[in-house]
C-alpha atoms as a PDB file:
ATOM      1  CA  MET A   1     -31.071 -36.804 -23.047  1.00  0.00           C
ATOM      2  CA  SER A   2     -27.908 -34.756 -23.286  1.00  0.00           C
ATOM      3  CA  THR A   3     -24.559 -36.267 -22.434  1.00  0.00           C
ATOM      4  CA  TRP A   4     -21.918 -34.772 -20.170  1.00  0.00           C
ATOM      5  CA  ASP A   5     -19.900 -33.781 -23.262  1.00  0.00           C
ATOM      6  CA  ASP A   6     -22.919 -32.012 -24.785  1.00  0.00           C
ATOM      7  CA  ARG A   7     -23.614 -30.069 -21.596  1.00  0.00           C
ATOM      8  CA  LEU A   8     -19.952 -29.140 -21.205  1.00  0.00           C
ATOM      9  CA  ARG A   9     -19.646 -28.050 -24.843  1.00  0.00           C
ATOM     10  CA  SER A  10     -22.770 -25.929 -24.439  1.00  0.00           C
ATOM     11  CA  LEU A  11     -21.344 -24.255 -21.330  1.00  0.00           C
ATOM     12  CA  PHE A  12     -18.085 -23.374 -23.124  1.00  0.00           C
ATOM     13  CA  LYS A  13     -19.993 -21.610 -25.870  1.00  0.00           C
ATOM     14  CA  LYS A  14     -21.758 -19.314 -23.416  1.00  0.00           C
ATOM     15  CA  ALA A  15     -20.174 -15.940 -23.004  1.00  0.00           C
ATOM     16  CA  PRO A  16     -20.399 -14.151 -19.657  1.00  0.00           C
ATOM     17  CA  SER A  17     -23.662 -12.264 -19.379  1.00  0.00           C
ATOM     18  CA  LYS A  18     -23.767  -8.588 -20.322  1.00  0.00           C
ATOM     19  CA  GLU A  19     -24.487  -7.763 -16.688  1.00  0.00           C
ATOM     20  CA  ILE A  20     -21.330  -9.504 -15.483  1.00  0.00           C
ATOM     21  CA  LYS A  21     -19.218  -7.863 -18.172  1.00  0.00           C
ATOM     22  CA  ARG A  22     -20.666  -4.442 -17.339  1.00  0.00           C
ATOM     23  CA  ALA A  23     -20.182  -4.910 -13.584  1.00  0.00           C
ATOM     24  CA  VAL A  24     -16.561  -5.995 -13.990  1.00  0.00           C
ATOM     25  CA  LEU A  25     -15.766  -3.145 -16.381  1.00  0.00           C
ATOM     26  CA  ASN A  26     -17.429  -0.602 -14.095  1.00  0.00           C
ATOM     27  CA  MET A  27     -15.494  -1.913 -11.118  1.00  0.00           C
ATOM     28  CA  MET A  28     -12.194  -1.826 -12.979  1.00  0.00           C
ATOM     29  CA  GLU A  29     -12.759   1.625 -14.479  1.00  0.00           C
ATOM     30  CA  SER A  30     -13.984   3.236 -11.265  1.00  0.00           C
ATOM     31  CA  GLY A  31     -10.634   2.769  -9.539  1.00  0.00           C
ATOM     32  CA  SER A  32     -12.471   2.990  -6.229  1.00  0.00           C
ATOM     33  CA  ASP A  33     -12.083  -0.653  -5.300  1.00  0.00           C
ATOM     34  CA  ASP A  34      -8.868  -2.058  -6.730  1.00  0.00           C
ATOM     35  CA  ARG A  35      -8.956  -5.103  -4.457  1.00  0.00           C
ATOM     36  CA  SER A  36     -12.358  -6.237  -5.724  1.00  0.00           C
ATOM     37  CA  ALA A  37     -11.351  -5.600  -9.331  1.00  0.00           C
ATOM     38  CA  ALA A  38      -8.215  -7.720  -8.884  1.00  0.00           C
ATOM     39  CA  LEU A  39     -10.085 -10.564  -7.202  1.00  0.00           C
ATOM     40  CA  VAL A  40     -12.988 -10.635  -9.653  1.00  0.00           C
ATOM     41  CA  SER A  41     -10.773 -10.301 -12.733  1.00  0.00           C
ATOM     42  CA  THR A  42      -8.472 -13.122 -11.689  1.00  0.00           C
ATOM     43  CA  ALA A  43     -11.441 -15.303 -10.739  1.00  0.00           C
ATOM     44  CA  LEU A  44     -12.871 -14.822 -14.223  1.00  0.00           C
ATOM     45  CA  ALA A  45      -9.472 -15.550 -15.797  1.00  0.00           C
ATOM     46  CA  ASP A  46      -9.141 -18.663 -13.631  1.00  0.00           C
ATOM     47  CA  THR A  47     -12.572 -19.846 -14.758  1.00  0.00           C
ATOM     48  CA  GLY A  48     -11.527 -19.341 -18.369  1.00  0.00           C
ATOM     49  CA  LEU A  49      -8.386 -21.407 -17.803  1.00  0.00           C
ATOM     50  CA  VAL A  50     -10.413 -24.213 -16.225  1.00  0.00           C
ATOM     51  CA  MET A  51     -12.817 -24.218 -19.152  1.00  0.00           C
ATOM     52  CA  GLY A  52      -9.986 -24.228 -21.693  1.00  0.00           C
ATOM     53  CA  ILE A  53      -8.139 -27.052 -19.966  1.00  0.00           C
ATOM     54  CA  VAL A  54     -11.340 -29.091 -19.731  1.00  0.00           C
ATOM     55  CA  ALA A  55     -12.026 -28.493 -23.422  1.00  0.00           C
ATOM     56  CA  ILE A  56      -8.618 -29.955 -24.324  1.00  0.00           C
ATOM     57  CA  LEU A  57      -8.412 -32.784 -21.777  1.00  0.00           C
ATOM     58  CA  ARG A  58     -12.092 -33.736 -22.206  1.00  0.00           C
ATOM     59  CA  PRO A  59     -12.827 -35.433 -18.868  1.00  0.00           C
ATOM     60  CA  ARG A  60     -15.661 -37.946 -19.180  1.00  0.00           C
ATOM     61  CA  GLU A  61     -17.568 -37.283 -15.973  1.00  0.00           C
ATOM     62  CA  PRO A  62     -18.051 -34.426 -13.481  1.00  0.00           C
ATOM     63  CA  LYS A  63     -15.996 -36.408 -10.935  1.00  0.00           C
ATOM     64  CA  ASP A  64     -13.086 -36.264 -13.380  1.00  0.00           C
ATOM     65  CA  VAL A  65     -13.328 -32.457 -13.443  1.00  0.00           C
ATOM     66  CA  ASP A  66     -13.332 -32.496  -9.642  1.00  0.00           C
ATOM     67  CA  ALA A  67     -10.164 -34.594  -9.679  1.00  0.00           C
ATOM     68  CA  LEU A  68      -8.492 -32.078 -11.987  1.00  0.00           C
ATOM     69  CA  PHE A  69      -9.406 -28.881 -10.116  1.00  0.00           C
ATOM     70  CA  TRP A  70     -11.417 -29.148  -6.909  1.00  0.00           C
ATOM     71  CA  ALA A  71     -10.572 -32.373  -5.073  1.00  0.00           C
ATOM     72  CA  LYS A  72      -8.324 -32.371  -2.013  1.00  0.00           C
ATOM     73  CA  LYS A  73      -5.400 -33.687  -4.082  1.00  0.00           C
ATOM     74  CA  ALA A  74      -6.398 -32.132  -7.418  1.00  0.00           C
ATOM     75  CA  THR A  75      -4.011 -32.175 -10.347  1.00  0.00           C
ATOM     76  CA  TYR A  76      -4.363 -28.413 -10.984  1.00  0.00           C
ATOM     77  CA  PRO A  77      -5.628 -26.939  -7.695  1.00  0.00           C
ATOM     78  CA  THR A  78      -4.228 -23.405  -8.002  1.00  0.00           C
ATOM     79  CA  PHE A  79      -4.439 -20.479 -10.384  1.00  0.00           C
ATOM     80  CA  ASN A  80      -0.688 -20.813 -10.931  1.00  0.00           C
ATOM     81  CA  SER A  81      -0.886 -24.509 -11.825  1.00  0.00           C
ATOM     82  CA  ARG A  82      -3.717 -23.752 -14.258  1.00  0.00           C
ATOM     83  CA  ILE A  83      -1.691 -20.985 -15.914  1.00  0.00           C
ATOM     84  CA  GLU A  84       1.202 -23.426 -16.341  1.00  0.00           C
ATOM     85  CA  LYS A  85      -1.028 -26.188 -17.760  1.00  0.00           C
ATOM     86  CA  ALA A  86      -2.765 -23.794 -20.152  1.00  0.00           C
ATOM     87  CA  ALA A  87       0.658 -22.730 -21.443  1.00  0.00           C
ATOM     88  CA  GLN A  88       1.747 -26.380 -21.833  1.00  0.00           C
ATOM     89  CA  LEU A  89      -1.424 -27.059 -23.838  1.00  0.00           C
ATOM     90  CA  ASN A  90      -0.788 -23.954 -25.984  1.00  0.00           C
ATOM     91  CA  LEU A  91      -4.075 -22.427 -24.864  1.00  0.00           C
ATOM     92  CA  ILE A  92      -2.143 -19.293 -24.011  1.00  0.00           C
ATOM     93  CA  GLY A  93       1.072 -17.856 -25.361  1.00  0.00           C
ATOM     94  CA  PRO A  94       4.045 -16.438 -23.466  1.00  0.00           C
ATOM     95  CA  ARG A  95       2.628 -12.913 -23.312  1.00  0.00           C
ATOM     96  CA  THR A  96      -0.709 -14.039 -21.877  1.00  0.00           C
ATOM     97  CA  ARG A  97       1.084 -16.364 -19.478  1.00  0.00           C
ATOM     98  CA  ASN A  98       3.161 -13.437 -18.238  1.00  0.00           C
ATOM     99  CA  ASN A  99       0.089 -11.176 -17.952  1.00  0.00           C
ATOM    100  CA  LEU A 100      -1.805 -13.821 -15.978  1.00  0.00           C
ATOM    101  CA  ASP A 101       1.180 -14.328 -13.704  1.00  0.00           C
ATOM    102  CA  VAL A 102       1.313 -10.577 -13.009  1.00  0.00           C
ATOM    103  CA  ALA A 103      -2.445 -10.556 -12.316  1.00  0.00           C
ATOM    104  CA  ARG A 104      -1.989 -13.534  -9.958  1.00  0.00           C
ATOM    105  CA  GLN A 105       0.769 -11.728  -8.066  1.00  0.00           C
ATOM    106  CA  ILE A 106      -1.352  -8.574  -7.746  1.00  0.00           C
ATOM    107  CA  ARG A 107      -4.279 -10.648  -6.487  1.00  0.00           C
ATOM    108  CA  ASN A 108      -1.998 -12.317  -3.944  1.00  0.00           C
ATOM    109  CA  VAL A 109      -0.849  -8.923  -2.625  1.00  0.00           C
ATOM    110  CA  PHE A 110      -4.452  -7.875  -2.012  1.00  0.00           C
ATOM    111  CA  VAL A 111      -5.289 -11.202  -0.385  1.00  0.00           C
ATOM    112  CA  MET A 112      -2.268 -10.981   1.926  1.00  0.00           C
ATOM    113  CA  GLN A 113      -3.132  -7.391   2.888  1.00  0.00           C
ATOM    114  CA  TRP A 114      -6.649  -8.483   3.793  1.00  0.00           C
ATOM    115  CA  TRP A 115      -5.360 -11.527   5.681  1.00  0.00           C
ATOM    116  CA  ARG A 116      -2.858  -9.493   7.693  1.00  0.00           C
ATOM    117  CA  SER A 117      -5.457  -6.863   8.586  1.00  0.00           C
ATOM    118  CA  HIS A 118      -7.727  -9.583   9.926  1.00  0.00           C
ATOM    119  CA  LEU A 119      -4.943 -11.308  11.846  1.00  0.00           C
ATOM    120  CA  ALA A 120      -4.092  -7.983  13.508  1.00  0.00           C
ATOM    121  CA  ARG A 121      -7.476  -7.855  15.244  1.00  0.00           C
ATOM    122  CA  PRO A 122      -7.542  -8.439  18.991  1.00  0.00           C
ATOM    123  CA  LYS A 123      -7.982 -12.054  20.053  1.00  0.00           C
ATOM    124  CA  SER A 124     -11.202 -11.104  21.819  1.00  0.00           C
ATOM    125  CA  TRP A 125     -12.752 -10.090  18.485  1.00  0.00           C
ATOM    126  CA  THR A 126     -14.937 -12.762  16.964  1.00  0.00           C
ATOM    127  CA  PRO A 127     -17.466 -12.399  14.165  1.00  0.00           C
ATOM    128  CA  ALA A 128     -21.121 -12.887  14.955  1.00  0.00           C
ATOM    129  CA  ILE A 129     -22.313 -16.346  14.041  1.00  0.00           C
ATOM    130  CA  LYS A 130     -25.951 -16.758  13.142  1.00  0.00           C
END
């Protein structure tokens, strides 16, 4: 029976599938959907930060990972807080930290544009619920 550490270590060693890499590269190179490229790229970077932080901090149980990242009062609940922690742990250097911060700001611009466009809809508009 594998332990939590064994399963976690195994997950860290897995690279993203070729299909995911190809899809992300195609999206980024096409230039047709900058918003999706920004969101997907930062999500992948965020996942990498989570995995790196977990590899260093070595939480014992899945609930400990939840407490670090996903719980209501998580220690590192945001992309920004994960960038900062990764830098503190020397997982990333100053250049990567700066690049991730720029990517985060670009992502936030796209998210705010989407949010504002949806807030501008008439109050009578409601999505269909099935």
